[in-house]
Amino acid sequence: MMDLQVTGMSCNHCANAVKQAIAEVDSSATVEIDLATGNVKVQTRADAQAIKVAIVEAGYEVTA
């Protein structure tokens, strides 16, 4: 399980954009997003760096 801190998400549209970005890297990934804290939990076999890059390319910042 990968635990990321993502900034810039403020609504369900943002959360869906992050989920879609992750799905483009690993379509079988399980994603849980807490908008209030910016915490994104990802269960994936994909490379952590590839997931982070996908989120950044979607317009959000990964701070941890």
C-alpha atoms as a PDB file:
ATOM      1  CA  MET A   1       0.000   0.000   0.000  1.00  0.00           C
ATOM      2  CA  MET A   2       1.348   3.373  -1.036  1.00  0.00           C
ATOM      3  CA  ASP A   3       0.402   6.356   1.136  1.00  0.00           C
ATOM      4  CA  LEU A   4       0.725   9.723  -0.623  1.00  0.00           C
ATOM      5  CA  GLN A   5       0.012  13.300   0.373  1.00  0.00           C
ATOM      6  CA  VAL A   6      -1.493  15.189  -2.580  1.00  0.00           C
ATOM      7  CA  THR A   7      -2.226  18.913  -2.565  1.00  0.00           C
ATOM      8  CA  GLY A   8      -4.582  20.809  -4.835  1.00  0.00           C
ATOM      9  CA  MET A   9      -7.584  18.492  -4.551  1.00  0.00           C
ATOM     10  CA  SER A  10     -10.692  20.372  -3.413  1.00  0.00           C
ATOM     11  CA  CYS A  11     -13.692  18.464  -4.771  1.00  0.00           C
ATOM     12  CA  ASN A  12     -14.906  15.133  -6.104  1.00  0.00           C
ATOM     13  CA  HIS A  13     -13.910  16.179  -9.627  1.00  0.00           C
ATOM     14  CA  CYS A  14     -10.328  16.559  -8.397  1.00  0.00           C
ATOM     15  CA  ALA A  15     -10.451  13.171  -6.680  1.00  0.00           C
ATOM     16  CA  ASN A  16     -11.759  11.559  -9.856  1.00  0.00           C
ATOM     17  CA  ALA A  17      -8.981  13.191 -11.896  1.00  0.00           C
ATOM     18  CA  VAL A  18      -6.378  11.718  -9.531  1.00  0.00           C
ATOM     19  CA  LYS A  19      -8.050   8.288  -9.673  1.00  0.00           C
ATOM     20  CA  GLN A  20      -8.100   8.430 -13.477  1.00  0.00           C
ATOM     21  CA  ALA A  21      -4.421   9.400 -13.608  1.00  0.00           C
ATOM     22  CA  ILE A  22      -3.553   6.434 -11.409  1.00  0.00           C
ATOM     23  CA  ALA A  23      -5.759   4.114 -13.486  1.00  0.00           C
ATOM     24  CA  GLU A  24      -3.809   5.098 -16.606  1.00  0.00           C
ATOM     25  CA  VAL A  25      -0.694   3.659 -14.942  1.00  0.00           C
ATOM     26  CA  ASP A  26      -2.407   0.647 -13.335  1.00  0.00           C
ATOM     27  CA  SER A  27      -6.029  -0.032 -14.251  1.00  0.00           C
ATOM     28  CA  SER A  28      -6.338  -2.579 -11.431  1.00  0.00           C
ATOM     29  CA  ALA A  29      -5.120  -0.220  -8.700  1.00  0.00           C
ATOM     30  CA  THR A  30      -7.330   0.373  -5.676  1.00  0.00           C
ATOM     31  CA  VAL A  31      -7.451   4.051  -4.699  1.00  0.00           C
ATOM     32  CA  GLU A  32      -8.833   5.647  -1.531  1.00  0.00           C
ATOM     33  CA  ILE A  33      -8.858   9.443  -1.310  1.00  0.00           C
ATOM     34  CA  ASP A  34      -9.550  11.611   1.733  1.00  0.00           C
ATOM     35  CA  LEU A  35     -10.218  15.101   0.349  1.00  0.00           C
ATOM     36  CA  ALA A  36     -10.114  16.723   3.799  1.00  0.00           C
ATOM     37  CA  THR A  37      -6.538  15.622   4.467  1.00  0.00           C
ATOM     38  CA  GLY A  38      -5.254  15.163   0.912  1.00  0.00           C
ATOM     39  CA  ASN A  39      -4.280  11.603   1.749  1.00  0.00           C
ATOM     40  CA  VAL A  40      -4.275   9.171  -1.179  1.00  0.00           C
ATOM     41  CA  LYS A  41      -3.845   5.458  -0.501  1.00  0.00           C
ATOM     42  CA  VAL A  42      -2.996   3.333  -3.521  1.00  0.00           C
ATOM     43  CA  GLN A  43      -2.835  -0.443  -3.677  1.00  0.00           C
ATOM     44  CA  THR A  44      -0.848  -1.155  -6.826  1.00  0.00           C
ATOM     45  CA  ARG A  45       1.927  -3.220  -8.333  1.00  0.00           C
ATOM     46  CA  ALA A  46       3.075  -0.248 -10.409  1.00  0.00           C
ATOM     47  CA  ASP A  47       6.220   1.703  -9.644  1.00  0.00           C
ATOM     48  CA  ALA A  48       5.678   4.409  -7.009  1.00  0.00           C
ATOM     49  CA  GLN A  49       7.479   7.000  -9.123  1.00  0.00           C
ATOM     50  CA  ALA A  50       5.196   6.283 -12.112  1.00  0.00           C
ATOM     51  CA  ILE A  51       2.131   6.852  -9.905  1.00  0.00           C
ATOM     52  CA  LYS A  52       3.557  10.121  -8.573  1.00  0.00           C
ATOM     53  CA  VAL A  53       4.404  11.359 -12.081  1.00  0.00           C
ATOM     54  CA  ALA A  54       0.873  10.572 -13.283  1.00  0.00           C
ATOM     55  CA  ILE A  55      -0.634  12.592 -10.422  1.00  0.00           C
ATOM     56  CA  VAL A  56       1.682  15.542 -11.099  1.00  0.00           C
ATOM     57  CA  GLU A  57       0.881  15.424 -14.812  1.00  0.00           C
ATOM     58  CA  ALA A  58      -2.823  15.567 -13.882  1.00  0.00           C
ATOM     59  CA  GLY A  59      -2.120  18.920 -12.214  1.00  0.00           C
ATOM     60  CA  TYR A  60      -1.664  18.032  -8.556  1.00  0.00           C
ATOM     61  CA  GLU A  61       1.368  18.122  -6.283  1.00  0.00           C
ATOM     62  CA  VAL A  62       2.634  15.072  -4.428  1.00  0.00           C
ATOM     63  CA  THR A  63       4.304  16.309  -1.264  1.00  0.00           C
ATOM     64  CA  ALA A  64       4.996  12.995   0.459  1.00  0.00           C
END
